[in-house]
Amino acid sequence: MGTTKGTHIGEFEELALLTVGALFNEAYGVAVMDEIASRTGRNVNISAVHEVLKRLEKKGFVQSRMGGATNERGGRRKRYFTLTFEGKAALDQSIGLRNELYNAIPKLTFNFS
């Protein structure tokens, strides 16, 4: 399975892409951070989430749109992210590679008696 330059994603990028997809139309920075933290048990930094989302958008794997301003946010708007076709393809490639490697482990490796 070959990779095209620029389509490689790291582990945190993969987690962020999966989370954006899972949250569907409700994926914004804090929601992505909270979802990753609750599912992985990791303490995730909001700045790291914003950076990875920007990087994924630059790669074309997510797209963003601005939500409406709310009083609870002091009139600031949320930036919502959605998975693109290219982002789904990058996830398919990454997960496919993981599955290929996992399935290549000889069965006798799992005999832990």
C-alpha atoms as a PDB file:
ATOM      1  CA  MET A   1       0.000   0.000   0.000  1.00  0.00           C
ATOM      2  CA  GLY A   2       1.826   3.136  -1.211  1.00  0.00           C
ATOM      3  CA  THR A   3       1.376   6.577   0.210  1.00  0.00           C
ATOM      4  CA  THR A   4       1.256   9.837  -1.646  1.00  0.00           C
ATOM      5  CA  LYS A   5       3.373  12.675  -0.336  1.00  0.00           C
ATOM      6  CA  GLY A   6       1.367  14.807   2.078  1.00  0.00           C
ATOM      7  CA  THR A   7      -1.228  12.148   2.870  1.00  0.00           C
ATOM      8  CA  HIS A   8       0.619  10.598   5.819  1.00  0.00           C
ATOM      9  CA  ILE A   9      -1.056  11.292   9.146  1.00  0.00           C
ATOM     10  CA  GLY A  10       0.420  10.907  12.602  1.00  0.00           C
ATOM     11  CA  GLU A  11      -1.320   9.307  15.555  1.00  0.00           C
ATOM     12  CA  PHE A  12      -2.729  12.550  16.996  1.00  0.00           C
ATOM     13  CA  GLU A  13      -3.868  13.655  13.538  1.00  0.00           C
ATOM     14  CA  GLU A  14      -5.607  10.305  13.134  1.00  0.00           C
ATOM     15  CA  LEU A  15      -7.337  10.705  16.516  1.00  0.00           C
ATOM     16  CA  ALA A  16      -8.429  14.233  15.595  1.00  0.00           C
ATOM     17  CA  LEU A  17      -9.752  13.116  12.180  1.00  0.00           C
ATOM     18  CA  LEU A  18     -11.638  10.204  13.723  1.00  0.00           C
ATOM     19  CA  THR A  19     -13.101  12.533  16.337  1.00  0.00           C
ATOM     20  CA  VAL A  20     -14.150  15.160  13.788  1.00  0.00           C
ATOM     21  CA  GLY A  21     -15.901  12.419  11.836  1.00  0.00           C
ATOM     22  CA  ALA A  22     -17.565  10.992  14.945  1.00  0.00           C
ATOM     23  CA  LEU A  23     -18.787  14.406  16.132  1.00  0.00           C
ATOM     24  CA  PHE A  24     -20.081  15.125  12.627  1.00  0.00           C
ATOM     25  CA  ASN A  25     -21.526  18.676  12.581  1.00  0.00           C
ATOM     26  CA  GLU A  26     -20.620  19.398  16.227  1.00  0.00           C
ATOM     27  CA  ALA A  27     -16.819  19.195  15.893  1.00  0.00           C
ATOM     28  CA  TYR A  28     -15.174  22.356  17.217  1.00  0.00           C
ATOM     29  CA  GLY A  29     -11.953  22.709  19.215  1.00  0.00           C
ATOM     30  CA  VAL A  30     -13.210  22.126  22.756  1.00  0.00           C
ATOM     31  CA  ALA A  31     -15.596  19.343  21.692  1.00  0.00           C
ATOM     32  CA  VAL A  32     -12.755  17.557  19.869  1.00  0.00           C
ATOM     33  CA  MET A  33     -10.476  17.990  22.897  1.00  0.00           C
ATOM     34  CA  ASP A  34     -13.122  16.671  25.317  1.00  0.00           C
ATOM     35  CA  GLU A  35     -14.008  13.699  23.108  1.00  0.00           C
ATOM     36  CA  ILE A  36     -10.363  12.659  22.659  1.00  0.00           C
ATOM     37  CA  ALA A  37      -9.769  13.009  26.408  1.00  0.00           C
ATOM     38  CA  SER A  38     -12.856  11.000  27.360  1.00  0.00           C
ATOM     39  CA  ARG A  39     -12.188   8.182  24.874  1.00  0.00           C
ATOM     40  CA  THR A  40      -8.421   7.874  25.407  1.00  0.00           C
ATOM     41  CA  GLY A  41      -7.977   9.001  29.011  1.00  0.00           C
ATOM     42  CA  ARG A  42      -5.301  11.437  27.799  1.00  0.00           C
ATOM     43  CA  ASN A  43      -5.008  14.968  29.091  1.00  0.00           C
ATOM     44  CA  VAL A  44      -5.249  16.918  25.821  1.00  0.00           C
ATOM     45  CA  ASN A  45      -4.142  20.541  25.408  1.00  0.00           C
ATOM     46  CA  ILE A  46      -6.567  22.838  23.535  1.00  0.00           C
ATOM     47  CA  SER A  47      -3.656  24.541  21.755  1.00  0.00           C
ATOM     48  CA  ALA A  48      -2.498  21.176  20.394  1.00  0.00           C
ATOM     49  CA  VAL A  49      -6.041  20.461  19.177  1.00  0.00           C
ATOM     50  CA  HIS A  50      -6.273  23.834  17.417  1.00  0.00           C
ATOM     51  CA  GLU A  51      -2.868  23.292  15.796  1.00  0.00           C
ATOM     52  CA  VAL A  52      -3.714  19.802  14.550  1.00  0.00           C
ATOM     53  CA  LEU A  53      -7.070  20.994  13.191  1.00  0.00           C
ATOM     54  CA  LYS A  54      -5.320  23.842  11.317  1.00  0.00           C
ATOM     55  CA  ARG A  55      -2.751  21.403   9.936  1.00  0.00           C
ATOM     56  CA  LEU A  56      -5.468  18.968   8.838  1.00  0.00           C
ATOM     57  CA  GLU A  57      -7.361  21.795   7.146  1.00  0.00           C
ATOM     58  CA  LYS A  58      -4.203  22.885   5.323  1.00  0.00           C
ATOM     59  CA  LYS A  59      -3.782  19.281   4.087  1.00  0.00           C
ATOM     60  CA  GLY A  60      -7.420  19.312   2.898  1.00  0.00           C
ATOM     61  CA  PHE A  61      -8.537  16.570   5.304  1.00  0.00           C
ATOM     62  CA  VAL A  62     -11.063  18.762   7.129  1.00  0.00           C
ATOM     63  CA  GLN A  63     -12.909  21.925   6.220  1.00  0.00           C
ATOM     64  CA  SER A  64     -14.206  24.540   8.604  1.00  0.00           C
ATOM     65  CA  ARG A  65     -17.104  26.916   8.858  1.00  0.00           C
ATOM     66  CA  MET A  66     -17.935  29.590  11.375  1.00  0.00           C
ATOM     67  CA  GLY A  67     -20.967  29.116  13.623  1.00  0.00           C
ATOM     68  CA  GLY A  68     -23.114  31.927  14.940  1.00  0.00           C
ATOM     69  CA  ALA A  69     -22.006  34.212  17.775  1.00  0.00           C
ATOM     70  CA  THR A  70     -23.353  33.350  21.226  1.00  0.00           C
ATOM     71  CA  ASN A  71     -23.684  35.367  24.426  1.00  0.00           C
ATOM     72  CA  GLU A  72     -22.082  32.552  26.458  1.00  0.00           C
ATOM     73  CA  ARG A  73     -18.917  32.996  24.358  1.00  0.00           C
ATOM     74  CA  GLY A  74     -18.915  36.774  24.694  1.00  0.00           C
ATOM     75  CA  GLY A  75     -20.115  37.197  21.119  1.00  0.00           C
ATOM     76  CA  ARG A  76     -17.324  35.023  19.683  1.00  0.00           C
ATOM     77  CA  ARG A  77     -18.128  32.437  17.050  1.00  0.00           C
ATOM     78  CA  LYS A  78     -17.109  28.759  17.088  1.00  0.00           C
ATOM     79  CA  ARG A  79     -15.189  27.262  14.176  1.00  0.00           C
ATOM     80  CA  TYR A  80     -16.762  23.908  13.263  1.00  0.00           C
ATOM     81  CA  PHE A  81     -14.853  21.238  11.357  1.00  0.00           C
ATOM     82  CA  THR A  82     -16.099  18.478   9.065  1.00  0.00           C
ATOM     83  CA  LEU A  83     -14.282  15.586   7.464  1.00  0.00           C
ATOM     84  CA  THR A  84     -13.615  15.917   3.719  1.00  0.00           C
ATOM     85  CA  PHE A  85     -13.483  13.138   1.141  1.00  0.00           C
ATOM     86  CA  GLU A  86      -9.671  13.393   1.286  1.00  0.00           C
ATOM     87  CA  GLY A  87      -9.744  13.132   5.092  1.00  0.00           C
ATOM     88  CA  LYS A  88     -11.897   9.998   4.935  1.00  0.00           C
ATOM     89  CA  ALA A  89      -9.493   8.536   2.333  1.00  0.00           C
ATOM     90  CA  ALA A  90      -6.508   9.292   4.605  1.00  0.00           C
ATOM     91  CA  LEU A  91      -8.292   7.530   7.492  1.00  0.00           C
ATOM     92  CA  ASP A  92      -9.148   4.558   5.293  1.00  0.00           C
ATOM     93  CA  GLN A  93      -5.497   4.298   4.249  1.00  0.00           C
ATOM     94  CA  SER A  94      -4.178   4.613   7.802  1.00  0.00           C
ATOM     95  CA  ILE A  95      -6.632   2.129   9.291  1.00  0.00           C
ATOM     96  CA  GLY A  96      -6.116  -0.247   6.362  1.00  0.00           C
ATOM     97  CA  LEU A  97      -2.363  -0.224   6.966  1.00  0.00           C
ATOM     98  CA  ARG A  98      -2.838  -0.843  10.699  1.00  0.00           C
ATOM     99  CA  ASN A  99      -5.160  -3.764   9.975  1.00  0.00           C
ATOM    100  CA  GLU A 100      -2.748  -5.242   7.390  1.00  0.00           C
ATOM    101  CA  LEU A 101       0.104  -5.101   9.878  1.00  0.00           C
ATOM    102  CA  TYR A 102      -2.009  -6.525  12.707  1.00  0.00           C
ATOM    103  CA  ASN A 103      -3.242  -9.370  10.493  1.00  0.00           C
ATOM    104  CA  ALA A 104       0.366 -10.128   9.481  1.00  0.00           C
ATOM    105  CA  ILE A 105       1.280 -11.066  13.058  1.00  0.00           C
ATOM    106  CA  PRO A 106       1.672 -14.860  13.109  1.00  0.00           C
ATOM    107  CA  LYS A 107      -1.106 -16.537  15.100  1.00  0.00           C
ATOM    108  CA  LEU A 108       1.426 -18.410  17.254  1.00  0.00           C
ATOM    109  CA  THR A 109       2.520 -15.017  18.605  1.00  0.00           C
ATOM    110  CA  PHE A 110      -0.753 -14.935  20.544  1.00  0.00           C
ATOM    111  CA  ASN A 111      -0.188 -18.239  22.399  1.00  0.00           C
ATOM    112  CA  PHE A 112       0.621 -16.746  25.799  1.00  0.00           C
ATOM    113  CA  SER A 113       0.509 -19.935  27.886  1.00  0.00           C
END
